[in-house]
N, C-alpha and C. Protein backbone atom coordinates (compact mmCIF):
# COMPACT_ATOMS: atom_id res chain seq x y z
N MET A 1 -5.00 10.34 -13.31
CA MET A 1 -4.53 10.92 -12.06
C MET A 1 -4.33 9.79 -11.05
N ALA A 2 -3.13 9.57 -10.63
CA ALA A 2 -2.83 8.56 -9.62
C ALA A 2 -2.49 9.27 -8.31
N ILE A 3 -2.95 8.71 -7.21
CA ILE A 3 -2.62 9.25 -5.90
C ILE A 3 -1.32 8.59 -5.42
N PHE A 4 -1.33 7.26 -5.33
CA PHE A 4 -0.13 6.50 -4.98
C PHE A 4 0.24 5.50 -6.06
N TYR A 5 -0.77 4.83 -6.61
CA TYR A 5 -0.53 3.70 -7.51
C TYR A 5 -1.07 4.00 -8.89
N ASP A 6 -0.30 3.63 -9.91
CA ASP A 6 -0.77 3.68 -11.27
C ASP A 6 -1.68 2.48 -11.47
N ASP A 7 -2.88 2.69 -11.93
CA ASP A 7 -3.80 1.56 -12.09
C ASP A 7 -3.66 0.88 -13.44
N GLY A 8 -2.58 1.18 -14.16
CA GLY A 8 -2.27 0.49 -15.41
C GLY A 8 -1.47 -0.77 -15.13
N ASN A 9 -0.89 -1.34 -16.17
CA ASN A 9 -0.09 -2.55 -16.03
C ASN A 9 1.31 -2.16 -15.56
N ALA A 10 1.60 -2.42 -14.31
CA ALA A 10 2.90 -2.06 -13.73
C ALA A 10 3.92 -3.19 -13.88
N ARG A 11 3.59 -4.26 -14.56
CA ARG A 11 4.50 -5.40 -14.65
C ARG A 11 5.62 -5.21 -15.65
N GLY A 12 5.43 -4.35 -16.61
CA GLY A 12 6.49 -4.11 -17.59
C GLY A 12 7.49 -3.11 -17.03
N GLY A 13 8.70 -3.16 -17.51
CA GLY A 13 9.67 -2.16 -17.07
C GLY A 13 10.91 -2.76 -16.46
N PHE A 14 10.89 -3.03 -15.18
CA PHE A 14 12.09 -3.52 -14.52
C PHE A 14 11.74 -4.62 -13.53
N ALA A 15 12.73 -5.48 -13.28
CA ALA A 15 12.53 -6.61 -12.37
C ALA A 15 13.06 -6.25 -10.98
N ILE A 16 12.35 -6.72 -9.98
CA ILE A 16 12.75 -6.50 -8.60
C ILE A 16 12.91 -7.87 -7.94
N ASN A 17 14.00 -8.06 -7.24
CA ASN A 17 14.20 -9.28 -6.48
C ASN A 17 13.56 -9.06 -5.10
N ILE A 18 12.32 -9.56 -4.94
CA ILE A 18 11.59 -9.27 -3.70
C ILE A 18 12.21 -9.94 -2.48
N SER A 19 13.05 -10.94 -2.68
CA SER A 19 13.67 -11.59 -1.53
C SER A 19 14.65 -10.67 -0.82
N ARG A 20 15.05 -9.59 -1.50
CA ARG A 20 15.97 -8.63 -0.89
C ARG A 20 15.23 -7.53 -0.11
N LEU A 21 13.90 -7.49 -0.24
CA LEU A 21 13.10 -6.47 0.43
C LEU A 21 12.61 -6.98 1.78
N ASN A 22 12.42 -6.07 2.70
CA ASN A 22 11.87 -6.41 4.01
C ASN A 22 10.34 -6.41 3.89
N PRO A 23 9.70 -7.57 4.03
CA PRO A 23 8.25 -7.62 3.85
C PRO A 23 7.50 -6.79 4.88
N ASN A 24 8.09 -6.61 6.05
CA ASN A 24 7.42 -5.85 7.11
C ASN A 24 7.41 -4.36 6.80
N SER A 25 8.51 -3.83 6.31
CA SER A 25 8.54 -2.41 5.96
C SER A 25 7.72 -2.15 4.69
N GLN A 26 7.72 -3.10 3.76
CA GLN A 26 6.90 -2.95 2.56
C GLN A 26 5.42 -2.93 2.92
N TRP A 27 5.01 -3.83 3.81
CA TRP A 27 3.62 -3.87 4.27
C TRP A 27 3.27 -2.55 4.95
N ALA A 28 4.18 -2.02 5.78
CA ALA A 28 3.93 -0.76 6.48
C ALA A 28 3.70 0.38 5.48
N ASN A 29 4.49 0.42 4.41
CA ASN A 29 4.31 1.46 3.38
C ASN A 29 2.93 1.38 2.75
N HIS A 30 2.51 0.19 2.38
CA HIS A 30 1.20 0.03 1.73
C HIS A 30 0.07 0.24 2.74
N SER A 31 0.31 -0.09 4.00
CA SER A 31 -0.68 0.16 5.04
C SER A 31 -0.91 1.66 5.22
N TYR A 32 0.17 2.43 5.18
CA TYR A 32 0.04 3.88 5.28
C TYR A 32 -0.73 4.42 4.07
N ASN A 33 -0.37 3.94 2.88
CA ASN A 33 -1.08 4.38 1.68
C ASN A 33 -2.57 4.06 1.80
N HIS A 34 -2.88 2.88 2.32
CA HIS A 34 -4.27 2.47 2.51
C HIS A 34 -4.98 3.44 3.45
N PHE A 35 -4.33 3.82 4.53
CA PHE A 35 -4.91 4.75 5.50
C PHE A 35 -5.24 6.09 4.83
N VAL A 36 -4.30 6.63 4.07
CA VAL A 36 -4.50 7.92 3.40
C VAL A 36 -5.60 7.80 2.34
N LEU A 37 -5.56 6.73 1.56
CA LEU A 37 -6.58 6.54 0.53
C LEU A 37 -7.97 6.40 1.14
N MET A 38 -8.08 5.72 2.27
CA MET A 38 -9.38 5.57 2.93
C MET A 38 -9.89 6.94 3.38
N HIS A 39 -9.00 7.78 3.88
CA HIS A 39 -9.40 9.13 4.29
C HIS A 39 -9.91 9.92 3.08
N ILE A 40 -9.21 9.85 1.98
CA ILE A 40 -9.63 10.55 0.76
C ILE A 40 -10.98 10.01 0.29
N TYR A 41 -11.11 8.69 0.28
CA TYR A 41 -12.33 8.04 -0.19
C TYR A 41 -13.54 8.47 0.65
N ARG A 42 -13.35 8.58 1.94
CA ARG A 42 -14.46 8.93 2.84
C ARG A 42 -14.75 10.43 2.87
N ASN A 43 -13.75 11.27 2.64
CA ASN A 43 -13.91 12.69 2.93
C ASN A 43 -13.79 13.64 1.75
N SER A 44 -13.31 13.21 0.62
CA SER A 44 -13.10 14.12 -0.50
C SER A 44 -14.44 14.58 -1.10
N PRO A 45 -14.56 15.86 -1.37
CA PRO A 45 -15.76 16.35 -2.04
C PRO A 45 -15.71 16.11 -3.56
N ASP A 46 -14.54 15.73 -4.07
CA ASP A 46 -14.33 15.52 -5.51
C ASP A 46 -14.66 14.07 -5.88
N THR A 47 -15.69 13.89 -6.69
CA THR A 47 -16.13 12.54 -7.08
C THR A 47 -15.04 11.77 -7.81
N ARG A 48 -14.33 12.44 -8.71
CA ARG A 48 -13.27 11.76 -9.46
C ARG A 48 -12.16 11.28 -8.52
N GLU A 49 -11.83 12.11 -7.54
CA GLU A 49 -10.80 11.73 -6.58
C GLU A 49 -11.25 10.54 -5.74
N LYS A 50 -12.53 10.52 -5.36
CA LYS A 50 -13.08 9.39 -4.60
C LYS A 50 -13.01 8.09 -5.41
N ILE A 51 -13.37 8.18 -6.68
CA ILE A 51 -13.32 7.00 -7.55
C ILE A 51 -11.89 6.49 -7.66
N GLN A 52 -10.94 7.40 -7.87
CA GLN A 52 -9.53 7.01 -7.97
C GLN A 52 -9.04 6.40 -6.67
N ALA A 53 -9.41 7.00 -5.54
CA ALA A 53 -9.00 6.46 -4.24
C ALA A 53 -9.56 5.06 -4.06
N GLY A 54 -10.80 4.84 -4.48
CA GLY A 54 -11.41 3.50 -4.38
C GLY A 54 -10.64 2.46 -5.18
N LYS A 55 -10.23 2.83 -6.39
CA LYS A 55 -9.43 1.91 -7.21
C LYS A 55 -8.10 1.60 -6.54
N GLU A 56 -7.48 2.64 -6.00
CA GLU A 56 -6.17 2.45 -5.39
C GLU A 56 -6.25 1.73 -4.05
N LEU A 57 -7.40 1.83 -3.37
CA LEU A 57 -7.58 1.06 -2.13
C LEU A 57 -7.47 -0.43 -2.43
N GLU A 58 -8.06 -0.86 -3.52
CA GLU A 58 -7.98 -2.27 -3.91
C GLU A 58 -6.54 -2.68 -4.18
N ILE A 59 -5.77 -1.80 -4.81
CA ILE A 59 -4.36 -2.10 -5.08
C ILE A 59 -3.58 -2.20 -3.78
N ALA A 60 -3.80 -1.24 -2.86
CA ALA A 60 -3.10 -1.26 -1.58
C ALA A 60 -3.42 -2.53 -0.80
N GLU A 61 -4.69 -2.93 -0.79
CA GLU A 61 -5.09 -4.15 -0.09
C GLU A 61 -4.42 -5.38 -0.70
N ARG A 62 -4.37 -5.42 -2.03
CA ARG A 62 -3.73 -6.54 -2.72
C ARG A 62 -2.25 -6.62 -2.37
N LYS A 63 -1.59 -5.46 -2.34
CA LYS A 63 -0.17 -5.43 -2.03
C LYS A 63 0.09 -5.81 -0.57
N MET A 64 -0.77 -5.36 0.35
CA MET A 64 -0.61 -5.74 1.76
C MET A 64 -0.76 -7.26 1.91
N LYS A 65 -1.75 -7.84 1.25
CA LYS A 65 -1.95 -9.29 1.33
C LYS A 65 -0.76 -10.05 0.75
N PHE A 66 -0.18 -9.51 -0.33
CA PHE A 66 1.00 -10.14 -0.92
C PHE A 66 2.12 -10.22 0.12
N TRP A 67 2.41 -9.11 0.80
CA TRP A 67 3.51 -9.12 1.77
C TRP A 67 3.17 -9.98 2.98
N GLU A 68 1.90 -10.08 3.33
CA GLU A 68 1.50 -10.94 4.45
C GLU A 68 1.77 -12.41 4.15
N ARG A 69 1.78 -12.80 2.90
CA ARG A 69 2.03 -14.19 2.51
C ARG A 69 3.51 -14.57 2.51
N GLN A 70 4.39 -13.61 2.61
CA GLN A 70 5.83 -13.89 2.56
C GLN A 70 6.28 -14.55 3.86
N SER A 71 7.20 -15.46 3.76
CA SER A 71 7.61 -16.26 4.92
C SER A 71 8.25 -15.42 6.02
N ARG A 72 8.89 -14.33 5.67
CA ARG A 72 9.54 -13.49 6.68
C ARG A 72 8.62 -12.41 7.26
N PHE A 73 7.35 -12.42 6.86
CA PHE A 73 6.42 -11.41 7.36
C PHE A 73 6.07 -11.70 8.81
N ASN A 74 6.09 -10.65 9.62
CA ASN A 74 5.73 -10.74 11.03
C ASN A 74 4.85 -9.53 11.34
N GLN A 75 3.58 -9.77 11.71
CA GLN A 75 2.64 -8.67 11.89
C GLN A 75 3.09 -7.69 12.97
N ALA A 76 3.64 -8.19 14.07
CA ALA A 76 4.10 -7.30 15.14
C ALA A 76 5.23 -6.39 14.65
N GLU A 77 6.15 -6.95 13.88
CA GLU A 77 7.25 -6.14 13.35
C GLU A 77 6.74 -5.15 12.30
N ALA A 78 5.78 -5.58 11.49
CA ALA A 78 5.20 -4.68 10.49
C ALA A 78 4.49 -3.51 11.17
N ASP A 79 3.77 -3.80 12.24
CA ASP A 79 3.12 -2.73 12.99
C ASP A 79 4.15 -1.78 13.59
N MET A 80 5.27 -2.33 14.06
CA MET A 80 6.35 -1.50 14.61
C MET A 80 6.92 -0.58 13.53
N TRP A 81 7.14 -1.13 12.34
CA TRP A 81 7.63 -0.31 11.22
C TRP A 81 6.66 0.82 10.93
N ARG A 82 5.36 0.49 10.88
CA ARG A 82 4.35 1.51 10.58
C ARG A 82 4.35 2.60 11.64
N LYS A 83 4.46 2.19 12.90
CA LYS A 83 4.46 3.17 14.00
C LYS A 83 5.72 4.03 13.96
N GLU A 84 6.86 3.40 13.70
CA GLU A 84 8.12 4.12 13.71
C GLU A 84 8.24 5.09 12.52
N ILE A 85 7.85 4.65 11.35
CA ILE A 85 8.00 5.47 10.16
C ILE A 85 6.89 6.51 10.03
N TYR A 86 5.67 6.09 10.30
CA TYR A 86 4.50 6.95 10.03
C TYR A 86 3.81 7.47 11.28
N GLN A 87 4.30 7.11 12.46
CA GLN A 87 3.70 7.54 13.72
C GLN A 87 2.20 7.23 13.78
N MET A 88 1.86 6.03 13.35
CA MET A 88 0.45 5.61 13.42
C MET A 88 0.33 4.18 13.88
């Protein structure tokens, strides 16, 4: 059961040219996922769901850090994307 992220090996399948992606909007997407997963982790009465959310929190954090390392990443712009898209 995956909430947002498959915790298997996601490297097989298809190639993505990350230079064509906006690192700020990508970070905002994973930041939102992190927010939702944290809520599930803290509040779910279902132990299995909490365990899954905990695993996916690590994935979301890893993905956010990846986008933060990109040269075009700008925290203020990423925050703007998050606010504009997710109203948070």
